[in-house]
Amino acid sequence: MTRPIVISVAPVSGAGAAAEPAEVAREAVESRAAGAALVHLHVRERDGRLTANPAVFQETIDLIRAQSDLIIQASTGGVSDLTIEERCVALGLKNVEMSSLNSGSVNLGEAVYKNPFQEIKYVTRRCLETGVIPEVEVFEMGMVHNMFLVAEEMPLPQPLLFDIVLGHRGGCPATPKTLALFSQYIPPEALWSITQYGRENDFSLLAAALGLGACMVRIGFEDSNALSATQKAARNAELVARMAEVIRAMGFRVATPAEAREMFGLKQL
């Protein structure tokens, strides 16, 4: 049987886009029909601002769950003035199955994205307490090693899932050489995925990651709306459908949410 590839969709742009629950849910459900198995969401107010108030977020995920079997992943990140406790407000909420776990600090554009060790360990501990499976976001290779250090103090879910994030200004560039080197630093027993921020043209780097062994690829307006160098998507489902075409053209198959849950050690619905 061909290898299943999980498509994760991050539907809400970080550039001040509104986050109306019904609209976000519609984008997620449409993306599920196009091939997505997981939806990545930040806790936002209706105007798109990151917040520690989970009310709008809970409304959004309840709508998604009522209409689909998507895996719901809550972000604990994003450049903001929120404390680490506030950033983790979604952990333990109903229907949240996974979360991001940022494993180090990095420059993102003109901002410094601060994730010191005590905060990395705090998020890890909260994931263990709530049973939420973390996806470890790594923007630099040293962040992979940071999780080895965390593992000396507390058990980590196995297999550990890393997300290689490339393309942010100030972080690792989104180039084949960077990807090839970075992928070699992921432990062989771990799973890994790829996120390319600011993608402006084709899907070649995402395809390269799949060829190197990635089990998941993230697509969506949070990272880029580009279908090609000259064409922009109006809906997230268009990006998901194009990614699904790439996956099938490479001889892989698009994973269902049930297959993704089994891969990541989640309970089936």
C-alpha atoms as a PDB file:
ATOM      1  CA  MET A   1       0.000   0.000   0.000  1.00  0.00           C
ATOM      2  CA  THR A   2       1.270   3.465  -0.858  1.00  0.00           C
ATOM      3  CA  ARG A   3       2.442   5.770   1.914  1.00  0.00           C
ATOM      4  CA  PRO A   4      -0.277   8.011   3.399  1.00  0.00           C
ATOM      5  CA  ILE A   5       0.469  11.739   3.611  1.00  0.00           C
ATOM      6  CA  VAL A   6      -1.459  13.957   6.008  1.00  0.00           C
ATOM      7  CA  ILE A   7      -2.565  17.383   4.794  1.00  0.00           C
ATOM      8  CA  SER A   8      -2.849  19.986   7.548  1.00  0.00           C
ATOM      9  CA  VAL A   9      -4.712  23.209   6.779  1.00  0.00           C
ATOM     10  CA  ALA A  10      -4.059  26.494   8.605  1.00  0.00           C
ATOM     11  CA  PRO A  11      -6.984  28.519   7.259  1.00  0.00           C
ATOM     12  CA  VAL A  12      -6.717  31.938   8.944  1.00  0.00           C
ATOM     13  CA  SER A  13      -4.170  34.471   7.734  1.00  0.00           C
ATOM     14  CA  GLY A  14      -2.106  36.090  10.475  1.00  0.00           C
ATOM     15  CA  ALA A  15      -2.275  39.427   8.659  1.00  0.00           C
ATOM     16  CA  GLY A  16      -5.274  40.828  10.515  1.00  0.00           C
ATOM     17  CA  ALA A  17      -7.862  38.543   8.906  1.00  0.00           C
ATOM     18  CA  ALA A  18     -11.212  38.143  10.622  1.00  0.00           C
ATOM     19  CA  ALA A  19     -11.895  34.887  12.461  1.00  0.00           C
ATOM     20  CA  GLU A  20     -15.670  34.575  12.437  1.00  0.00           C
ATOM     21  CA  PRO A  21     -16.430  31.066  13.729  1.00  0.00           C
ATOM     22  CA  ALA A  22     -18.878  30.176  10.951  1.00  0.00           C
ATOM     23  CA  GLU A  23     -16.484  31.327   8.221  1.00  0.00           C
ATOM     24  CA  VAL A  24     -13.453  29.593   9.718  1.00  0.00           C
ATOM     25  CA  ALA A  25     -15.492  26.410  10.145  1.00  0.00           C
ATOM     26  CA  ARG A  26     -16.685  26.609   6.545  1.00  0.00           C
ATOM     27  CA  GLU A  27     -13.094  26.947   5.313  1.00  0.00           C
ATOM     28  CA  ALA A  28     -12.078  23.957   7.441  1.00  0.00           C
ATOM     29  CA  VAL A  29     -14.978  21.753   6.333  1.00  0.00           C
ATOM     30  CA  GLU A  30     -14.412  22.629   2.663  1.00  0.00           C
ATOM     31  CA  SER A  31     -10.740  21.763   3.137  1.00  0.00           C
ATOM     32  CA  ARG A  32     -11.707  18.406   4.625  1.00  0.00           C
ATOM     33  CA  ALA A  33     -13.685  17.634   1.466  1.00  0.00           C
ATOM     34  CA  ALA A  34     -10.614  18.556  -0.593  1.00  0.00           C
ATOM     35  CA  GLY A  35      -8.320  16.224   1.370  1.00  0.00           C
ATOM     36  CA  ALA A  36      -7.275  17.853   4.644  1.00  0.00           C
ATOM     37  CA  ALA A  37      -7.149  15.616   7.727  1.00  0.00           C
ATOM     38  CA  LEU A  38      -6.106  18.231  10.326  1.00  0.00           C
ATOM     39  CA  VAL A  39      -6.927  21.879  10.961  1.00  0.00           C
ATOM     40  CA  HIS A  40      -4.456  24.191  12.723  1.00  0.00           C
ATOM     41  CA  LEU A  41      -6.078  27.087  14.595  1.00  0.00           C
ATOM     42  CA  HIS A  42      -4.971  29.938  16.856  1.00  0.00           C
ATOM     43  CA  VAL A  43      -7.156  31.207  19.701  1.00  0.00           C
ATOM     44  CA  ARG A  44      -8.501  34.434  18.202  1.00  0.00           C
ATOM     45  CA  GLU A  45     -11.175  37.040  18.717  1.00  0.00           C
ATOM     46  CA  ARG A  46     -13.611  37.604  15.868  1.00  0.00           C
ATOM     47  CA  ASP A  47     -11.409  40.392  14.496  1.00  0.00           C
ATOM     48  CA  GLY A  48      -8.460  37.985  14.248  1.00  0.00           C
ATOM     49  CA  ARG A  49      -6.484  39.178  17.278  1.00  0.00           C
ATOM     50  CA  LEU A  50      -4.757  36.501  19.347  1.00  0.00           C
ATOM     51  CA  THR A  51      -6.444  36.241  22.731  1.00  0.00           C
ATOM     52  CA  ALA A  52      -6.531  34.318  25.999  1.00  0.00           C
ATOM     53  CA  ASN A  53     -10.342  34.169  25.856  1.00  0.00           C
ATOM     54  CA  PRO A  54     -11.292  30.772  24.413  1.00  0.00           C
ATOM     55  CA  ALA A  55     -14.987  31.538  23.827  1.00  0.00           C
ATOM     56  CA  VAL A  56     -14.783  32.293  20.081  1.00  0.00           C
ATOM     57  CA  PHE A  57     -12.250  29.496  19.615  1.00  0.00           C
ATOM     58  CA  GLN A  58     -14.526  26.958  21.318  1.00  0.00           C
ATOM     59  CA  GLU A  59     -17.431  28.093  19.153  1.00  0.00           C
ATOM     60  CA  THR A  60     -15.271  27.594  16.071  1.00  0.00           C
ATOM     61  CA  ILE A  61     -14.077  24.112  16.953  1.00  0.00           C
ATOM     62  CA  ASP A  62     -17.564  23.011  17.983  1.00  0.00           C
ATOM     63  CA  LEU A  63     -18.835  24.021  14.536  1.00  0.00           C
ATOM     64  CA  ILE A  64     -15.980  22.141  12.863  1.00  0.00           C
ATOM     65  CA  ARG A  65     -16.571  19.029  14.934  1.00  0.00           C
ATOM     66  CA  ALA A  66     -20.306  19.087  14.234  1.00  0.00           C
ATOM     67  CA  GLN A  67     -19.619  19.049  10.485  1.00  0.00           C
ATOM     68  CA  SER A  68     -16.454  16.976  10.083  1.00  0.00           C
ATOM     69  CA  ASP A  69     -14.018  14.461  11.527  1.00  0.00           C
ATOM     70  CA  LEU A  70     -11.008  16.759  11.152  1.00  0.00           C
ATOM     71  CA  ILE A  71      -8.264  16.517  13.775  1.00  0.00           C
ATOM     72  CA  ILE A  72      -8.309  19.825  15.655  1.00  0.00           C
ATOM     73  CA  GLN A  73      -4.908  21.258  16.518  1.00  0.00           C
ATOM     74  CA  ALA A  74      -4.645  24.366  18.704  1.00  0.00           C
ATOM     75  CA  SER A  75      -1.663  26.677  18.448  1.00  0.00           C
ATOM     76  CA  THR A  76       0.207  27.707  21.594  1.00  0.00           C
ATOM     77  CA  GLY A  77       2.297  30.153  19.577  1.00  0.00           C
ATOM     78  CA  GLY A  78       2.154  33.371  17.625  1.00  0.00           C
ATOM     79  CA  VAL A  79       4.013  36.615  18.282  1.00  0.00           C
ATOM     80  CA  SER A  80       1.987  38.484  20.911  1.00  0.00           C
ATOM     81  CA  ASP A  81       2.084  39.941  24.419  1.00  0.00           C
ATOM     82  CA  LEU A  82       0.303  36.896  25.866  1.00  0.00           C
ATOM     83  CA  THR A  83       1.947  35.012  28.716  1.00  0.00           C
ATOM     84  CA  ILE A  84       2.768  31.345  28.238  1.00  0.00           C
ATOM     85  CA  GLU A  85      -0.172  30.459  30.481  1.00  0.00           C
ATOM     86  CA  GLU A  86      -2.471  32.510  28.248  1.00  0.00           C
ATOM     87  CA  ARG A  87      -0.975  30.970  25.112  1.00  0.00           C
ATOM     88  CA  CYS A  88      -1.885  27.521  26.468  1.00  0.00           C
ATOM     89  CA  VAL A  89      -5.515  28.368  27.209  1.00  0.00           C
ATOM     90  CA  ALA A  90      -6.757  25.969  24.503  1.00  0.00           C
ATOM     91  CA  LEU A  91      -5.090  22.916  26.029  1.00  0.00           C
ATOM     92  CA  GLY A  92      -7.732  20.790  27.648  1.00  0.00           C
ATOM     93  CA  LEU A  93     -10.655  22.422  25.836  1.00  0.00           C
ATOM     94  CA  LYS A  94     -13.298  20.127  24.409  1.00  0.00           C
ATOM     95  CA  ASN A  95     -12.384  18.612  21.015  1.00  0.00           C
ATOM     96  CA  VAL A  96      -8.780  19.868  21.020  1.00  0.00           C
ATOM     97  CA  GLU A  97      -6.658  16.819  20.151  1.00  0.00           C
ATOM     98  CA  MET A  98      -3.261  18.274  19.247  1.00  0.00           C
ATOM     99  CA  SER A  99      -1.281  21.456  19.817  1.00  0.00           C
ATOM    100  CA  SER A 100       1.807  23.202  18.538  1.00  0.00           C
ATOM    101  CA  LEU A 101       4.847  23.282  20.833  1.00  0.00           C
ATOM    102  CA  ASN A 102       7.466  25.857  19.909  1.00  0.00           C
ATOM    103  CA  SER A 103      10.883  24.594  20.971  1.00  0.00           C
ATOM    104  CA  GLY A 104      13.042  27.694  20.889  1.00  0.00           C
ATOM    105  CA  SER A 105      13.366  31.396  20.180  1.00  0.00           C
ATOM    106  CA  VAL A 106      13.867  32.882  16.730  1.00  0.00           C
ATOM    107  CA  ASN A 107      13.638  36.161  14.830  1.00  0.00           C
ATOM    108  CA  LEU A 108      10.421  36.392  12.810  1.00  0.00           C
ATOM    109  CA  GLY A 109      10.661  39.458  10.627  1.00  0.00           C
ATOM    110  CA  GLU A 110      11.341  42.390  12.944  1.00  0.00           C
ATOM    111  CA  ALA A 111       9.939  40.551  15.980  1.00  0.00           C
ATOM    112  CA  VAL A 112      11.688  38.219  18.393  1.00  0.00           C
ATOM    113  CA  TYR A 113       9.626  35.094  18.946  1.00  0.00           C
ATOM    114  CA  LYS A 114      10.521  34.229  22.540  1.00  0.00           C
ATOM    115  CA  ASN A 115      10.278  30.617  23.681  1.00  0.00           C
ATOM    116  CA  PRO A 116      12.782  30.167  26.539  1.00  0.00           C
ATOM    117  CA  PHE A 117      13.351  26.777  28.142  1.00  0.00           C
ATOM    118  CA  GLN A 118      10.997  27.294  31.067  1.00  0.00           C
ATOM    119  CA  GLU A 119       8.181  28.009  28.605  1.00  0.00           C
ATOM    120  CA  ILE A 120       9.044  25.051  26.363  1.00  0.00           C
ATOM    121  CA  LYS A 121       8.849  22.822  29.435  1.00  0.00           C
ATOM    122  CA  TYR A 122       5.611  24.467  30.572  1.00  0.00           C
ATOM    123  CA  VAL A 123       3.860  23.704  27.274  1.00  0.00           C
ATOM    124  CA  THR A 124       5.244  20.154  27.273  1.00  0.00           C
ATOM    125  CA  ARG A 125       3.986  19.616  30.805  1.00  0.00           C
ATOM    126  CA  ARG A 126       0.528  20.954  29.936  1.00  0.00           C
ATOM    127  CA  CYS A 127       0.341  18.622  26.936  1.00  0.00           C
ATOM    128  CA  LEU A 128       1.189  15.675  29.191  1.00  0.00           C
ATOM    129  CA  GLU A 129      -1.389  16.764  31.761  1.00  0.00           C
ATOM    130  CA  THR A 130      -4.204  17.181  29.243  1.00  0.00           C
ATOM    131  CA  GLY A 131      -3.377  14.270  26.941  1.00  0.00           C
ATOM    132  CA  VAL A 132      -3.020  16.608  23.960  1.00  0.00           C
ATOM    133  CA  ILE A 133      -0.423  15.405  21.423  1.00  0.00           C
ATOM    134  CA  PRO A 134       2.183  18.085  20.598  1.00  0.00           C
ATOM    135  CA  GLU A 135       3.571  18.929  17.200  1.00  0.00           C
ATOM    136  CA  VAL A 136       7.016  20.391  17.906  1.00  0.00           C
ATOM    137  CA  GLU A 137       7.624  23.491  15.770  1.00  0.00           C
ATOM    138  CA  VAL A 138      11.301  23.818  14.842  1.00  0.00           C
ATOM    139  CA  PHE A 139      12.530  26.967  13.067  1.00  0.00           C
ATOM    140  CA  GLU A 140      16.244  26.203  13.545  1.00  0.00           C
ATOM    141  CA  MET A 141      18.100  22.891  13.902  1.00  0.00           C
ATOM    142  CA  GLY A 142      19.070  23.612  17.505  1.00  0.00           C
ATOM    143  CA  MET A 143      15.397  23.489  18.415  1.00  0.00           C
ATOM    144  CA  VAL A 144      15.363  19.755  17.678  1.00  0.00           C
ATOM    145  CA  HIS A 145      18.142  19.310  20.230  1.00  0.00           C
ATOM    146  CA  ASN A 146      16.177  21.397  22.732  1.00  0.00           C
ATOM    147  CA  MET A 147      13.567  18.649  22.885  1.00  0.00           C
ATOM    148  CA  PHE A 148      16.268  16.082  23.724  1.00  0.00           C
ATOM    149  CA  LEU A 149      17.090  18.261  26.733  1.00  0.00           C
ATOM    150  CA  VAL A 150      13.424  18.495  27.722  1.00  0.00           C
ATOM    151  CA  ALA A 151      13.187  14.700  27.453  1.00  0.00           C
ATOM    152  CA  GLU A 152      15.812  14.417  30.199  1.00  0.00           C
ATOM    153  CA  GLU A 153      13.253  15.892  32.625  1.00  0.00           C
ATOM    154  CA  MET A 154       9.912  14.521  31.430  1.00  0.00           C
ATOM    155  CA  PRO A 155       8.601  11.807  29.107  1.00  0.00           C
ATOM    156  CA  LEU A 156       7.598  12.850  25.615  1.00  0.00           C
ATOM    157  CA  PRO A 157       4.820  11.242  23.556  1.00  0.00           C
ATOM    158  CA  GLN A 158       6.126   8.713  21.062  1.00  0.00           C
ATOM    159  CA  PRO A 159       6.572   8.902  18.191  1.00  0.00           C
ATOM    160  CA  LEU A 160       7.473  12.570  18.584  1.00  0.00           C
ATOM    161  CA  LEU A 161       6.230  14.759  15.739  1.00  0.00           C
ATOM    162  CA  PHE A 162       8.393  17.638  14.486  1.00  0.00           C
ATOM    163  CA  ASP A 163       7.289  20.375  12.083  1.00  0.00           C
ATOM    164  CA  ILE A 164      10.137  21.945  10.097  1.00  0.00           C
ATOM    165  CA  VAL A 165       9.152  25.586   9.535  1.00  0.00           C
ATOM    166  CA  LEU A 166      11.029  27.364   6.749  1.00  0.00           C
ATOM    167  CA  GLY A 167      10.688  30.723   5.018  1.00  0.00           C
ATOM    168  CA  HIS A 168      10.232  33.220   7.842  1.00  0.00           C
ATOM    169  CA  ARG A 169      12.449  36.287   7.519  1.00  0.00           C
ATOM    170  CA  GLY A 170      15.037  35.793  10.261  1.00  0.00           C
ATOM    171  CA  GLY A 171      14.608  32.021  10.345  1.00  0.00           C
ATOM    172  CA  CYS A 172      15.893  29.245   8.091  1.00  0.00           C
ATOM    173  CA  PRO A 173      15.391  29.988   4.389  1.00  0.00           C
ATOM    174  CA  ALA A 174      13.018  27.844   2.369  1.00  0.00           C
ATOM    175  CA  THR A 175      15.617  26.226   0.110  1.00  0.00           C
ATOM    176  CA  PRO A 176      16.254  22.591  -0.901  1.00  0.00           C
ATOM    177  CA  LYS A 177      19.686  22.655   0.756  1.00  0.00           C
ATOM    178  CA  THR A 178      18.232  23.866   4.064  1.00  0.00           C
ATOM    179  CA  LEU A 179      15.479  21.267   3.921  1.00  0.00           C
ATOM    180  CA  ALA A 180      17.855  18.404   3.126  1.00  0.00           C
ATOM    181  CA  LEU A 181      20.189  19.318   5.989  1.00  0.00           C
ATOM    182  CA  PHE A 182      17.373  19.942   8.454  1.00  0.00           C
ATOM    183  CA  SER A 183      15.596  16.676   7.648  1.00  0.00           C
ATOM    184  CA  GLN A 184      18.769  14.704   8.444  1.00  0.00           C
ATOM    185  CA  TYR A 185      18.739  16.123  11.974  1.00  0.00           C
ATOM    186  CA  ILE A 186      15.289  14.727  12.771  1.00  0.00           C
ATOM    187  CA  PRO A 187      15.668  11.497  14.815  1.00  0.00           C
ATOM    188  CA  PRO A 188      14.964   8.422  12.673  1.00  0.00           C
ATOM    189  CA  GLU A 189      12.305   7.196  15.104  1.00  0.00           C
ATOM    190  CA  ALA A 190      10.399  10.511  14.939  1.00  0.00           C
ATOM    191  CA  LEU A 191       7.770  11.751  12.508  1.00  0.00           C
ATOM    192  CA  TRP A 192       8.115  15.075  10.749  1.00  0.00           C
ATOM    193  CA  SER A 193       6.139  17.537   8.674  1.00  0.00           C
ATOM    194  CA  ILE A 194       6.875  20.640   6.612  1.00  0.00           C
ATOM    195  CA  THR A 195       5.536  24.207   6.736  1.00  0.00           C
ATOM    196  CA  GLN A 196       6.707  26.759   4.180  1.00  0.00           C
ATOM    197  CA  TYR A 197       5.866  30.309   5.175  1.00  0.00           C
ATOM    198  CA  GLY A 198       5.551  32.971   2.490  1.00  0.00           C
ATOM    199  CA  ARG A 199       5.540  30.519  -0.432  1.00  0.00           C
ATOM    200  CA  GLU A 200       5.229  32.643  -3.576  1.00  0.00           C
ATOM    201  CA  ASN A 201       5.221  30.217  -6.465  1.00  0.00           C
ATOM    202  CA  ASP A 202       5.090  26.433  -6.713  1.00  0.00           C
ATOM    203  CA  PHE A 203       4.800  23.440  -4.386  1.00  0.00           C
ATOM    204  CA  SER A 204       8.252  22.036  -5.165  1.00  0.00           C
ATOM    205  CA  LEU A 205       9.775  22.421  -1.693  1.00  0.00           C
ATOM    206  CA  LEU A 206       6.737  20.782  -0.102  1.00  0.00           C
ATOM    207  CA  ALA A 207       7.033  17.938  -2.604  1.00  0.00           C
ATOM    208  CA  ALA A 208      10.740  17.627  -1.833  1.00  0.00           C
ATOM    209  CA  ALA A 209       9.929  17.213   1.854  1.00  0.00           C
ATOM    210  CA  LEU A 210       7.568  14.357   1.045  1.00  0.00           C
ATOM    211  CA  GLY A 211      10.299  12.729  -1.005  1.00  0.00           C
ATOM    212  CA  LEU A 212      12.659  13.022   1.970  1.00  0.00           C
ATOM    213  CA  GLY A 213      10.190  11.284   4.276  1.00  0.00           C
ATOM    214  CA  ALA A 214       7.795  13.890   5.691  1.00  0.00           C
ATOM    215  CA  CYS A 215       4.483  12.369   6.797  1.00  0.00           C
ATOM    216  CA  MET A 216       2.539  15.644   6.748  1.00  0.00           C
ATOM    217  CA  VAL A 217       2.484  18.932   4.884  1.00  0.00           C
ATOM    218  CA  ARG A 218       0.816  22.154   6.044  1.00  0.00           C
ATOM    219  CA  ILE A 219      -0.959  24.419   3.595  1.00  0.00           C
ATOM    220  CA  GLY A 220      -3.325  27.344   4.054  1.00  0.00           C
ATOM    221  CA  PHE A 221      -3.776  31.100   4.235  1.00  0.00           C
ATOM    222  CA  GLU A 222      -1.776  31.396   7.471  1.00  0.00           C
ATOM    223  CA  ASP A 223       1.343  30.614   5.436  1.00  0.00           C
ATOM    224  CA  SER A 224       0.511  31.527   1.821  1.00  0.00           C
ATOM    225  CA  ASN A 225      -2.403  31.788  -0.604  1.00  0.00           C
ATOM    226  CA  ALA A 226      -0.282  31.132  -3.706  1.00  0.00           C
ATOM    227  CA  LEU A 227      -1.420  28.480  -6.170  1.00  0.00           C
ATOM    228  CA  SER A 228       1.370  29.501  -8.558  1.00  0.00           C
ATOM    229  CA  ALA A 229       3.612  32.464  -9.230  1.00  0.00           C
ATOM    230  CA  THR A 230       0.689  34.242 -10.907  1.00  0.00           C
ATOM    231  CA  GLN A 231      -2.440  32.737  -9.309  1.00  0.00           C
ATOM    232  CA  LYS A 232      -3.817  33.214  -5.790  1.00  0.00           C
ATOM    233  CA  ALA A 233      -6.384  30.982  -4.117  1.00  0.00           C
ATOM    234  CA  ALA A 234      -9.691  32.481  -3.022  1.00  0.00           C
ATOM    235  CA  ARG A 235     -10.413  29.582  -0.631  1.00  0.00           C
ATOM    236  CA  ASN A 236      -8.198  27.329   1.438  1.00  0.00           C
ATOM    237  CA  ALA A 237      -9.766  24.274  -0.190  1.00  0.00           C
ATOM    238  CA  GLU A 238      -8.128  25.239  -3.488  1.00  0.00           C
ATOM    239  CA  LEU A 239      -4.687  24.975  -1.867  1.00  0.00           C
ATOM    240  CA  VAL A 240      -5.581  21.663  -0.240  1.00  0.00           C
ATOM    241  CA  ALA A 241      -6.870  20.251  -3.527  1.00  0.00           C
ATOM    242  CA  ARG A 242      -3.671  21.288  -5.338  1.00  0.00           C
ATOM    243  CA  MET A 243      -1.550  19.712  -2.589  1.00  0.00           C
ATOM    244  CA  ALA A 244      -3.596  16.517  -2.860  1.00  0.00           C
ATOM    245  CA  GLU A 245      -2.868  16.454  -6.599  1.00  0.00           C
ATOM    246  CA  VAL A 246       0.859  16.751  -5.901  1.00  0.00           C
ATOM    247  CA  ILE A 247       0.729  13.939  -3.341  1.00  0.00           C
ATOM    248  CA  ARG A 248      -1.052  11.589  -5.740  1.00  0.00           C
ATOM    249  CA  ALA A 249       1.234  12.538  -8.629  1.00  0.00           C
ATOM    250  CA  MET A 250       4.211  11.475  -6.495  1.00  0.00           C
ATOM    251  CA  GLY A 251       2.679   8.026  -5.988  1.00  0.00           C
ATOM    252  CA  PHE A 252       1.517   8.635  -2.407  1.00  0.00           C
ATOM    253  CA  ARG A 253      -2.054   8.819  -1.149  1.00  0.00           C
ATOM    254  CA  VAL A 254      -3.897  11.423   0.877  1.00  0.00           C
ATOM    255  CA  ALA A 255      -4.436  10.257   4.472  1.00  0.00           C
ATOM    256  CA  THR A 256      -7.883  10.290   6.034  1.00  0.00           C
ATOM    257  CA  PRO A 257      -8.412  11.763   9.521  1.00  0.00           C
ATOM    258  CA  ALA A 258      -8.738   8.195  10.872  1.00  0.00           C
ATOM    259  CA  GLU A 259      -5.366   7.258   9.363  1.00  0.00           C
ATOM    260  CA  ALA A 260      -3.807  10.455  10.714  1.00  0.00           C
ATOM    261  CA  ARG A 261      -5.162   9.746  14.198  1.00  0.00           C
ATOM    262  CA  GLU A 262      -3.597   6.292  14.105  1.00  0.00           C
ATOM    263  CA  MET A 263      -0.287   7.754  12.887  1.00  0.00           C
ATOM    264  CA  PHE A 264      -0.153  10.350  15.691  1.00  0.00           C
ATOM    265  CA  GLY A 265      -1.429   8.132  18.498  1.00  0.00           C
ATOM    266  CA  LEU A 266      -4.792   9.854  18.900  1.00  0.00           C
ATOM    267  CA  LYS A 267      -8.078   8.292  19.925  1.00  0.00           C
ATOM    268  CA  GLN A 268     -10.461   7.606  17.083  1.00  0.00           C
ATOM    269  CA  LEU A 269     -13.782   9.455  17.065  1.00  0.00           C
END
